[in-house]
Amino acid sequence: MWLDGKFITFEGIEGTGKSTQISFIAKELSARSLDVLTLREPGCTKISEKIRNLLQYDKECHNMFPETELLLFEASRAQLVREVIAPAIGKGFWVLCDRFFDSTTAYQGSARKLPMHIIEMLNSFAAGGYVPDMTVIFDMDPALSLGRLTGRSTNLDRIEAEDLEFFSLIRKKYLEMAKNDSRFVVIDASIEPVMLGKNIMNEIAKKFF
């Protein structure tokens, strides 16, 4: 077992291929005899999965206010950190998480226009002091990512169904955050999947190996 657990998060707008690449990265790290755990936000605990359904799929929740959305995301995160992430890192696991508090900053802060000082406070509280060792941003033109989404399914969830302006604001915020914090790595997610995976692994190797 690798004694020094790591916490790597993956961010980006919808349709950028995060799930596929996280699975690839997990296999690559496992091949190095590392203990790897893959997670997603919101979700991965019984409580968090119920919150995920409210946030994304429950048709009775489509009139959800931004403030409600923010607090539900933070509640799901608080449960996931304490129930899963903290124990796993403590045991030396490399935790790969599809989204973490940077999503809240970009989505509820920039796109929903909620006060950033409140979001920063709630992010810190929910995360319990855990900050990713590395955050990979999957960068893509929102028009391309939305084209992927609509081509893949006509049954979009509540957040996937937002418009181009919404996702443009999110992308802008991600890139802004990446300029000011060395834990971020921005990856061009529009390239073909095999090369994308290699590029991500190269960045992880540069930082940790």
C-alpha atoms as a PDB file:
ATOM      1  CA  MET A   1       0.000   0.000   0.000  1.00  0.00           C
ATOM      2  CA  TRP A   2       1.189   3.518  -0.850  1.00  0.00           C
ATOM      3  CA  LEU A   3       1.553   5.152   2.546  1.00  0.00           C
ATOM      4  CA  ASP A   4       1.033   8.713   1.323  1.00  0.00           C
ATOM      5  CA  GLY A   5      -2.582   8.979   0.132  1.00  0.00           C
ATOM      6  CA  LYS A   6      -3.421  11.528  -2.564  1.00  0.00           C
ATOM      7  CA  PHE A   7      -6.563  13.413  -3.487  1.00  0.00           C
ATOM      8  CA  ILE A   8      -7.003  14.274  -7.171  1.00  0.00           C
ATOM      9  CA  THR A   9     -10.149  15.961  -8.471  1.00  0.00           C
ATOM     10  CA  PHE A  10     -11.430  16.362 -12.006  1.00  0.00           C
ATOM     11  CA  GLU A  11     -13.423  19.392 -13.103  1.00  0.00           C
ATOM     12  CA  GLY A  12     -15.049  20.761 -16.235  1.00  0.00           C
ATOM     13  CA  ILE A  13     -18.374  21.500 -17.830  1.00  0.00           C
ATOM     14  CA  GLU A  14     -20.699  18.671 -18.851  1.00  0.00           C
ATOM     15  CA  GLY A  15     -19.801  16.565 -21.886  1.00  0.00           C
ATOM     16  CA  THR A  16     -16.019  16.795 -21.583  1.00  0.00           C
ATOM     17  CA  GLY A  17     -15.380  13.095 -20.969  1.00  0.00           C
ATOM     18  CA  LYS A  18     -14.350  13.154 -17.305  1.00  0.00           C
ATOM     19  CA  SER A  19     -15.904   9.808 -16.381  1.00  0.00           C
ATOM     20  CA  THR A  20     -14.124   7.905 -19.158  1.00  0.00           C
ATOM     21  CA  GLN A  21     -10.754   9.415 -18.309  1.00  0.00           C
ATOM     22  CA  ILE A  22     -11.083   8.904 -14.556  1.00  0.00           C
ATOM     23  CA  SER A  23     -11.625   5.193 -15.213  1.00  0.00           C
ATOM     24  CA  PHE A  24      -8.494   5.138 -17.393  1.00  0.00           C
ATOM     25  CA  ILE A  25      -6.393   7.002 -14.811  1.00  0.00           C
ATOM     26  CA  ALA A  26      -7.566   4.643 -12.064  1.00  0.00           C
ATOM     27  CA  LYS A  27      -6.357   1.653 -14.075  1.00  0.00           C
ATOM     28  CA  GLU A  28      -3.025   3.313 -14.793  1.00  0.00           C
ATOM     29  CA  LEU A  29      -2.435   4.120 -11.130  1.00  0.00           C
ATOM     30  CA  SER A  30      -3.542   0.668 -10.018  1.00  0.00           C
ATOM     31  CA  ALA A  31      -0.960  -0.785 -12.420  1.00  0.00           C
ATOM     32  CA  ARG A  32       1.658   1.046 -10.326  1.00  0.00           C
ATOM     33  CA  SER A  33       0.491  -1.024  -7.304  1.00  0.00           C
ATOM     34  CA  LEU A  34      -1.363   1.926  -5.795  1.00  0.00           C
ATOM     35  CA  ASP A  35      -4.657   1.600  -3.944  1.00  0.00           C
ATOM     36  CA  VAL A  36      -7.153   3.705  -5.890  1.00  0.00           C
ATOM     37  CA  LEU A  37     -10.701   4.808  -5.096  1.00  0.00           C
ATOM     38  CA  THR A  38     -12.894   6.561  -7.662  1.00  0.00           C
ATOM     39  CA  LEU A  39     -15.763   8.781  -6.535  1.00  0.00           C
ATOM     40  CA  ARG A  40     -18.189  11.328  -7.943  1.00  0.00           C
ATOM     41  CA  GLU A  41     -19.960  14.371  -6.629  1.00  0.00           C
ATOM     42  CA  PRO A  42     -22.698  14.467  -5.675  1.00  0.00           C
ATOM     43  CA  GLY A  43     -23.017  10.825  -4.681  1.00  0.00           C
ATOM     44  CA  CYS A  44     -21.152   7.731  -3.445  1.00  0.00           C
ATOM     45  CA  THR A  45     -22.892   7.470  -0.066  1.00  0.00           C
ATOM     46  CA  LYS A  46     -26.514   6.534   0.555  1.00  0.00           C
ATOM     47  CA  ILE A  47     -27.305  10.056   1.716  1.00  0.00           C
ATOM     48  CA  SER A  48     -25.343  11.723  -1.080  1.00  0.00           C
ATOM     49  CA  GLU A  49     -27.018   9.602  -3.765  1.00  0.00           C
ATOM     50  CA  LYS A  50     -30.438  10.682  -2.529  1.00  0.00           C
ATOM     51  CA  ILE A  51     -29.286  14.300  -2.715  1.00  0.00           C
ATOM     52  CA  ARG A  52     -27.945  13.659  -6.236  1.00  0.00           C
ATOM     53  CA  ASN A  53     -31.375  12.511  -7.333  1.00  0.00           C
ATOM     54  CA  LEU A  54     -32.969  15.673  -5.937  1.00  0.00           C
ATOM     55  CA  LEU A  55     -30.399  17.895  -7.623  1.00  0.00           C
ATOM     56  CA  GLN A  56     -30.404  16.293 -11.042  1.00  0.00           C
ATOM     57  CA  TYR A  57     -33.298  13.970 -11.760  1.00  0.00           C
ATOM     58  CA  ASP A  58     -36.342  14.561  -9.559  1.00  0.00           C
ATOM     59  CA  LYS A  59     -38.908  16.242 -11.830  1.00  0.00           C
ATOM     60  CA  GLU A  60     -40.541  17.914  -8.838  1.00  0.00           C
ATOM     61  CA  CYS A  61     -37.299  19.819  -8.155  1.00  0.00           C
ATOM     62  CA  HIS A  62     -36.936  21.726 -11.410  1.00  0.00           C
ATOM     63  CA  ASN A  63     -37.945  24.989  -9.747  1.00  0.00           C
ATOM     64  CA  MET A  64     -35.104  24.717  -7.231  1.00  0.00           C
ATOM     65  CA  PHE A  65     -33.669  28.039  -6.058  1.00  0.00           C
ATOM     66  CA  PRO A  66     -29.895  28.572  -6.386  1.00  0.00           C
ATOM     67  CA  GLU A  67     -29.542  28.857  -2.600  1.00  0.00           C
ATOM     68  CA  THR A  68     -31.218  25.479  -2.140  1.00  0.00           C
ATOM     69  CA  GLU A  69     -29.006  23.954  -4.817  1.00  0.00           C
ATOM     70  CA  LEU A  70     -25.882  25.290  -3.122  1.00  0.00           C
ATOM     71  CA  LEU A  71     -26.786  23.895   0.287  1.00  0.00           C
ATOM     72  CA  LEU A  72     -27.703  20.487  -1.113  1.00  0.00           C
ATOM     73  CA  PHE A  73     -24.360  20.197  -2.894  1.00  0.00           C
ATOM     74  CA  GLU A  74     -22.547  21.155   0.296  1.00  0.00           C
ATOM     75  CA  ALA A  75     -24.567  18.662   2.347  1.00  0.00           C
ATOM     76  CA  SER A  76     -23.699  15.863  -0.067  1.00  0.00           C
ATOM     77  CA  ARG A  77     -20.032  16.880   0.065  1.00  0.00           C
ATOM     78  CA  ALA A  78     -19.937  16.993   3.855  1.00  0.00           C
ATOM     79  CA  GLN A  79     -21.238  13.438   4.024  1.00  0.00           C
ATOM     80  CA  LEU A  80     -18.859  12.136   1.344  1.00  0.00           C
ATOM     81  CA  VAL A  81     -15.769  13.695   2.930  1.00  0.00           C
ATOM     82  CA  ARG A  82     -16.442  12.340   6.382  1.00  0.00           C
ATOM     83  CA  GLU A  83     -17.799   8.947   5.403  1.00  0.00           C
ATOM     84  CA  VAL A  84     -15.484   8.069   2.507  1.00  0.00           C
ATOM     85  CA  ILE A  85     -12.773  10.543   1.463  1.00  0.00           C
ATOM     86  CA  ALA A  86     -11.132  11.198   4.824  1.00  0.00           C
ATOM     87  CA  PRO A  87     -10.938   7.514   5.842  1.00  0.00           C
ATOM     88  CA  ALA A  88      -9.613   6.492   2.418  1.00  0.00           C
ATOM     89  CA  ILE A  89      -6.855   9.105   2.332  1.00  0.00           C
ATOM     90  CA  GLY A  90      -5.969   8.163   5.902  1.00  0.00           C
ATOM     91  CA  LYS A  91      -5.449   4.567   4.732  1.00  0.00           C
ATOM     92  CA  GLY A  92      -3.147   5.646   1.907  1.00  0.00           C
ATOM     93  CA  PHE A  93      -5.590   5.474  -0.996  1.00  0.00           C
ATOM     94  CA  TRP A  94      -5.297   7.653  -4.057  1.00  0.00           C
ATOM     95  CA  VAL A  95      -8.765   9.171  -4.245  1.00  0.00           C
ATOM     96  CA  LEU A  96      -9.944  10.281  -7.691  1.00  0.00           C
ATOM     97  CA  CYS A  97     -13.094  12.395  -7.462  1.00  0.00           C
ATOM     98  CA  ASP A  98     -15.269  13.563 -10.346  1.00  0.00           C
ATOM     99  CA  ARG A  99     -15.949  17.101  -9.069  1.00  0.00           C
ATOM    100  CA  PHE A 100     -15.365  18.683  -5.678  1.00  0.00           C
ATOM    101  CA  PHE A 101     -15.750  22.190  -4.253  1.00  0.00           C
ATOM    102  CA  ASP A 102     -14.339  23.919  -7.348  1.00  0.00           C
ATOM    103  CA  SER A 103     -17.546  22.895  -9.125  1.00  0.00           C
ATOM    104  CA  THR A 104     -19.532  24.797  -6.527  1.00  0.00           C
ATOM    105  CA  THR A 105     -17.385  27.892  -7.027  1.00  0.00           C
ATOM    106  CA  ALA A 106     -17.873  27.743 -10.803  1.00  0.00           C
ATOM    107  CA  TYR A 107     -21.490  26.599 -11.024  1.00  0.00           C
ATOM    108  CA  GLN A 108     -23.232  28.151  -8.039  1.00  0.00           C
ATOM    109  CA  GLY A 109     -20.829  31.086  -7.730  1.00  0.00           C
ATOM    110  CA  SER A 110     -20.157  32.196 -11.275  1.00  0.00           C
ATOM    111  CA  ALA A 111     -23.134  30.797 -13.213  1.00  0.00           C
ATOM    112  CA  ARG A 112     -25.813  31.080 -10.481  1.00  0.00           C
ATOM    113  CA  LYS A 113     -24.260  34.352  -9.252  1.00  0.00           C
ATOM    114  CA  LEU A 114     -24.397  33.523  -5.546  1.00  0.00           C
ATOM    115  CA  PRO A 115     -22.049  35.465  -3.222  1.00  0.00           C
ATOM    116  CA  MET A 116     -18.519  34.105  -3.444  1.00  0.00           C
ATOM    117  CA  HIS A 117     -17.693  34.786   0.202  1.00  0.00           C
ATOM    118  CA  ILE A 118     -20.582  32.563   1.283  1.00  0.00           C
ATOM    119  CA  ILE A 119     -19.558  29.843  -1.147  1.00  0.00           C
ATOM    120  CA  GLU A 120     -15.956  29.930   0.068  1.00  0.00           C
ATOM    121  CA  MET A 121     -17.112  29.615   3.668  1.00  0.00           C
ATOM    122  CA  LEU A 122     -19.476  26.727   2.914  1.00  0.00           C
ATOM    123  CA  ASN A 123     -16.912  24.942   0.729  1.00  0.00           C
ATOM    124  CA  SER A 124     -14.383  25.051   3.546  1.00  0.00           C
ATOM    125  CA  PHE A 125     -16.915  23.901   6.124  1.00  0.00           C
ATOM    126  CA  ALA A 126     -18.264  21.009   4.038  1.00  0.00           C
ATOM    127  CA  ALA A 127     -14.809  19.827   2.941  1.00  0.00           C
ATOM    128  CA  GLY A 128     -13.582  19.686   6.528  1.00  0.00           C
ATOM    129  CA  GLY A 129     -10.181  21.050   5.635  1.00  0.00           C
ATOM    130  CA  TYR A 130      -9.555  18.663   2.732  1.00  0.00           C
ATOM    131  CA  VAL A 131      -8.106  20.361  -0.353  1.00  0.00           C
ATOM    132  CA  PRO A 132      -7.184  18.399  -3.495  1.00  0.00           C
ATOM    133  CA  ASP A 133      -3.494  17.741  -4.068  1.00  0.00           C
ATOM    134  CA  MET A 134      -4.180  18.246  -7.767  1.00  0.00           C
ATOM    135  CA  THR A 135      -7.160  19.364  -9.825  1.00  0.00           C
ATOM    136  CA  VAL A 136      -7.423  18.540 -13.527  1.00  0.00           C
ATOM    137  CA  ILE A 137      -9.656  20.887 -15.502  1.00  0.00           C
ATOM    138  CA  PHE A 138     -11.109  19.401 -18.681  1.00  0.00           C
ATOM    139  CA  ASP A 139     -11.298  22.443 -20.930  1.00  0.00           C
ATOM    140  CA  MET A 140     -13.579  22.532 -23.955  1.00  0.00           C
ATOM    141  CA  ASP A 141     -15.608  25.013 -25.971  1.00  0.00           C
ATOM    142  CA  PRO A 142     -19.094  24.881 -24.392  1.00  0.00           C
ATOM    143  CA  ALA A 143     -20.730  24.691 -27.825  1.00  0.00           C
ATOM    144  CA  LEU A 144     -18.802  21.480 -28.499  1.00  0.00           C
ATOM    145  CA  SER A 145     -19.562  19.973 -25.093  1.00  0.00           C
ATOM    146  CA  LEU A 146     -23.280  20.752 -25.406  1.00  0.00           C
ATOM    147  CA  GLY A 147     -23.261  19.214 -28.869  1.00  0.00           C
ATOM    148  CA  ARG A 148     -21.847  16.055 -27.358  1.00  0.00           C
ATOM    149  CA  LEU A 149     -24.540  16.033 -24.680  1.00  0.00           C
ATOM    150  CA  THR A 150     -27.464  16.490 -27.027  1.00  0.00           C
ATOM    151  CA  GLY A 151     -26.019  13.959 -29.443  1.00  0.00           C
ATOM    152  CA  ARG A 152     -25.661  11.430 -26.673  1.00  0.00           C
ATOM    153  CA  SER A 153     -29.094  11.791 -25.073  1.00  0.00           C
ATOM    154  CA  THR A 154     -32.337  13.730 -25.319  1.00  0.00           C
ATOM    155  CA  ASN A 155     -33.031  13.068 -21.634  1.00  0.00           C
ATOM    156  CA  LEU A 156     -30.758  15.676 -20.055  1.00  0.00           C
ATOM    157  CA  ASP A 157     -30.749  16.205 -16.309  1.00  0.00           C
ATOM    158  CA  ARG A 158     -31.647  19.509 -14.664  1.00  0.00           C
ATOM    159  CA  ILE A 159     -28.135  20.936 -14.889  1.00  0.00           C
ATOM    160  CA  GLU A 160     -27.207  19.498 -18.295  1.00  0.00           C
ATOM    161  CA  ALA A 161     -30.285  21.237 -19.713  1.00  0.00           C
ATOM    162  CA  GLU A 162     -28.872  24.726 -18.977  1.00  0.00           C
ATOM    163  CA  ASP A 163     -27.956  27.007 -21.892  1.00  0.00           C
ATOM    164  CA  LEU A 164     -24.712  27.967 -23.609  1.00  0.00           C
ATOM    165  CA  GLU A 165     -24.286  31.171 -21.593  1.00  0.00           C
ATOM    166  CA  PHE A 166     -24.492  29.211 -18.339  1.00  0.00           C
ATOM    167  CA  PHE A 167     -21.677  26.857 -19.319  1.00  0.00           C
ATOM    168  CA  SER A 168     -19.611  29.672 -20.823  1.00  0.00           C
ATOM    169  CA  LEU A 169     -19.600  31.406 -17.444  1.00  0.00           C
ATOM    170  CA  ILE A 170     -18.497  28.177 -15.767  1.00  0.00           C
ATOM    171  CA  ARG A 171     -15.653  27.611 -18.213  1.00  0.00           C
ATOM    172  CA  LYS A 172     -14.482  31.197 -17.750  1.00  0.00           C
ATOM    173  CA  LYS A 173     -14.429  30.753 -13.968  1.00  0.00           C
ATOM    174  CA  TYR A 174     -12.478  27.482 -14.151  1.00  0.00           C
ATOM    175  CA  LEU A 175      -9.800  29.106 -16.307  1.00  0.00           C
ATOM    176  CA  GLU A 176      -9.675  32.091 -13.979  1.00  0.00           C
ATOM    177  CA  MET A 177      -9.128  29.834 -10.967  1.00  0.00           C
ATOM    178  CA  ALA A 178      -6.403  27.911 -12.793  1.00  0.00           C
ATOM    179  CA  LYS A 179      -4.409  31.097 -13.361  1.00  0.00           C
ATOM    180  CA  ASN A 180      -4.221  31.790  -9.641  1.00  0.00           C
ATOM    181  CA  ASP A 181      -3.535  28.369  -8.095  1.00  0.00           C
ATOM    182  CA  SER A 182      -0.740  25.924  -8.941  1.00  0.00           C
ATOM    183  CA  ARG A 183      -2.793  22.858  -7.958  1.00  0.00           C
ATOM    184  CA  PHE A 184      -4.784  23.244 -11.193  1.00  0.00           C
ATOM    185  CA  VAL A 185      -3.777  21.704 -14.510  1.00  0.00           C
ATOM    186  CA  VAL A 186      -5.786  22.663 -17.593  1.00  0.00           C
ATOM    187  CA  ILE A 187      -6.106  19.933 -20.229  1.00  0.00           C
ATOM    188  CA  ASP A 188      -7.548  20.329 -23.734  1.00  0.00           C
ATOM    189  CA  ALA A 189     -10.454  17.881 -23.588  1.00  0.00           C
ATOM    190  CA  SER A 190     -11.392  18.231 -27.259  1.00  0.00           C
ATOM    191  CA  ILE A 191      -8.607  15.902 -28.441  1.00  0.00           C
ATOM    192  CA  GLU A 192      -9.121  12.189 -29.032  1.00  0.00           C
ATOM    193  CA  PRO A 193      -9.599  10.130 -25.841  1.00  0.00           C
ATOM    194  CA  VAL A 194      -6.402   8.042 -25.920  1.00  0.00           C
ATOM    195  CA  MET A 195      -4.172  11.088 -26.223  1.00  0.00           C
ATOM    196  CA  LEU A 196      -6.235  12.909 -23.607  1.00  0.00           C
ATOM    197  CA  GLY A 197      -5.659  10.098 -21.127  1.00  0.00           C
ATOM    198  CA  LYS A 198      -1.918  10.073 -21.840  1.00  0.00           C
ATOM    199  CA  ASN A 199      -1.731  13.832 -21.327  1.00  0.00           C
ATOM    200  CA  ILE A 200      -3.466  13.589 -17.966  1.00  0.00           C
ATOM    201  CA  MET A 201      -1.209  10.742 -16.810  1.00  0.00           C
ATOM    202  CA  ASN A 202       1.846  12.741 -17.876  1.00  0.00           C
ATOM    203  CA  GLU A 203       0.699  15.644 -15.665  1.00  0.00           C
ATOM    204  CA  ILE A 204       0.057  13.324 -12.728  1.00  0.00           C
ATOM    205  CA  ALA A 205       3.453  11.684 -13.177  1.00  0.00           C
ATOM    206  CA  LYS A 206       5.214  15.066 -13.287  1.00  0.00           C
ATOM    207  CA  LYS A 207       3.644  16.058 -10.006  1.00  0.00           C
ATOM    208  CA  PHE A 208       3.834  12.857  -7.992  1.00  0.00           C
ATOM    209  CA  PHE A 209       6.387  10.420  -9.449  1.00  0.00           C
END
